[in-house]
Amino acid sequence: KSRVAHGPPLGHGDRISTGEGVGCADLLDAVRRVRPNLHVFGHIHEDHGTTWEGPTRCVNACLCDLEYRAVQPAVVVDLGTD
């Protein structure tokens, strides 16, 4: 199971240029409760990449910088086949 949201959960791909984490605490609670294999979001342009929350891979897949130039590489996640 996977989930997609616009913004990040608190502490995952949520750091802005000041270093402040601006993710959503309620979304983090939902990720912890649902425990999806993958949670994908964007919105925060400064913190592209992957982190983990327990068994959940959290991916900030935002491709653009603050000037909306596509500068980040695409994130590829192999979910495998079961």
Protein backbone atom coordinates (compact mmCIF):
# COMPACT_ATOMS: atom_id res chain seq x y z
CA LYS A 1 0.00 0.00 0.00
CA SER A 2 1.17 3.50 -0.86
CA ARG A 3 -0.04 6.99 -0.06
CA VAL A 4 0.36 10.36 -1.80
CA ALA A 5 -0.03 13.80 -0.23
CA HIS A 6 0.78 17.32 -1.33
CA GLY A 7 2.97 18.22 1.65
CA PRO A 8 5.28 16.27 3.97
CA PRO A 9 4.76 14.75 7.37
CA LEU A 10 6.67 16.46 10.17
CA GLY A 11 10.36 15.56 10.12
CA HIS A 12 10.45 14.06 6.63
CA GLY A 13 11.48 16.14 3.62
CA ASP A 14 10.10 19.20 5.37
CA ARG A 15 13.14 21.45 5.93
CA ILE A 16 12.98 24.90 4.37
CA SER A 17 15.97 27.16 3.67
CA THR A 18 16.01 28.48 7.26
CA GLY A 19 16.43 24.91 8.56
CA GLU A 20 12.95 24.89 10.05
CA GLY A 21 10.82 21.76 9.66
CA VAL A 22 7.39 22.72 8.39
CA GLY A 23 5.76 19.32 7.91
CA CYS A 24 2.39 18.34 9.29
CA ALA A 25 2.25 16.62 12.69
CA ASP A 26 -1.21 15.18 11.95
CA LEU A 27 0.09 13.66 8.71
CA LEU A 28 3.01 12.11 10.62
CA ASP A 29 0.49 10.57 13.04
CA ALA A 30 -1.46 9.17 10.07
CA VAL A 31 1.70 7.69 8.52
CA ARG A 32 2.54 6.05 11.84
CA ARG A 33 -0.99 4.68 12.19
CA VAL A 34 -1.48 3.44 8.59
CA ARG A 35 2.17 2.33 8.07
CA PRO A 36 2.15 2.38 4.24
CA ASN A 37 5.17 0.98 2.43
CA LEU A 38 5.57 4.26 0.55
CA HIS A 39 4.47 7.84 1.20
CA VAL A 40 5.16 10.31 -1.63
CA PHE A 41 4.82 14.09 -1.45
CA GLY A 42 6.40 17.30 -2.72
CA HIS A 43 5.67 20.95 -1.90
CA ILE A 44 8.90 21.65 0.03
CA HIS A 45 11.41 22.41 -2.71
CA GLU A 46 14.45 22.59 -0.43
CA ASP A 47 14.37 19.04 0.99
CA HIS A 48 14.21 16.60 -1.96
CA GLY A 49 15.01 12.99 -1.12
CA THR A 50 14.09 9.92 0.90
CA THR A 51 13.76 9.24 4.63
CA TRP A 52 12.19 6.45 6.67
CA GLU A 53 9.48 6.46 9.32
CA GLY A 54 9.53 2.91 10.64
CA PRO A 55 8.59 0.66 7.70
CA THR A 56 7.46 3.63 5.58
CA ARG A 57 9.71 5.10 2.90
CA CYS A 58 8.93 8.83 2.79
CA VAL A 59 9.85 10.46 -0.54
CA ASN A 60 9.91 14.20 -1.19
CA ALA A 61 9.76 13.91 -4.98
CA CYS A 62 9.72 17.66 -5.67
CA LEU A 63 11.75 18.26 -8.83
CA CYS A 64 11.90 22.07 -8.73
CA ASP A 65 14.01 24.58 -6.85
CA LEU A 66 12.56 27.75 -5.32
CA GLU A 67 12.50 29.42 -8.74
CA TYR A 68 10.49 26.47 -10.15
CA ARG A 69 13.37 25.21 -12.29
CA ALA A 70 13.39 21.42 -12.65
CA VAL A 71 16.82 20.73 -11.15
CA GLN A 72 16.37 17.63 -8.97
CA PRO A 73 16.67 14.11 -10.36
CA ALA A 74 13.56 11.98 -10.49
CA VAL A 75 13.12 9.58 -7.60
CA VAL A 76 12.68 5.97 -8.68
CA VAL A 77 11.30 3.51 -6.15
CA ASP A 78 11.23 -0.20 -6.95
CA LEU A 79 8.31 -1.68 -5.08
CA GLY A 80 9.16 -5.17 -6.28
CA THR A 81 6.62 -7.81 -7.13
CA ASP A 82 5.09 -10.13 -4.59
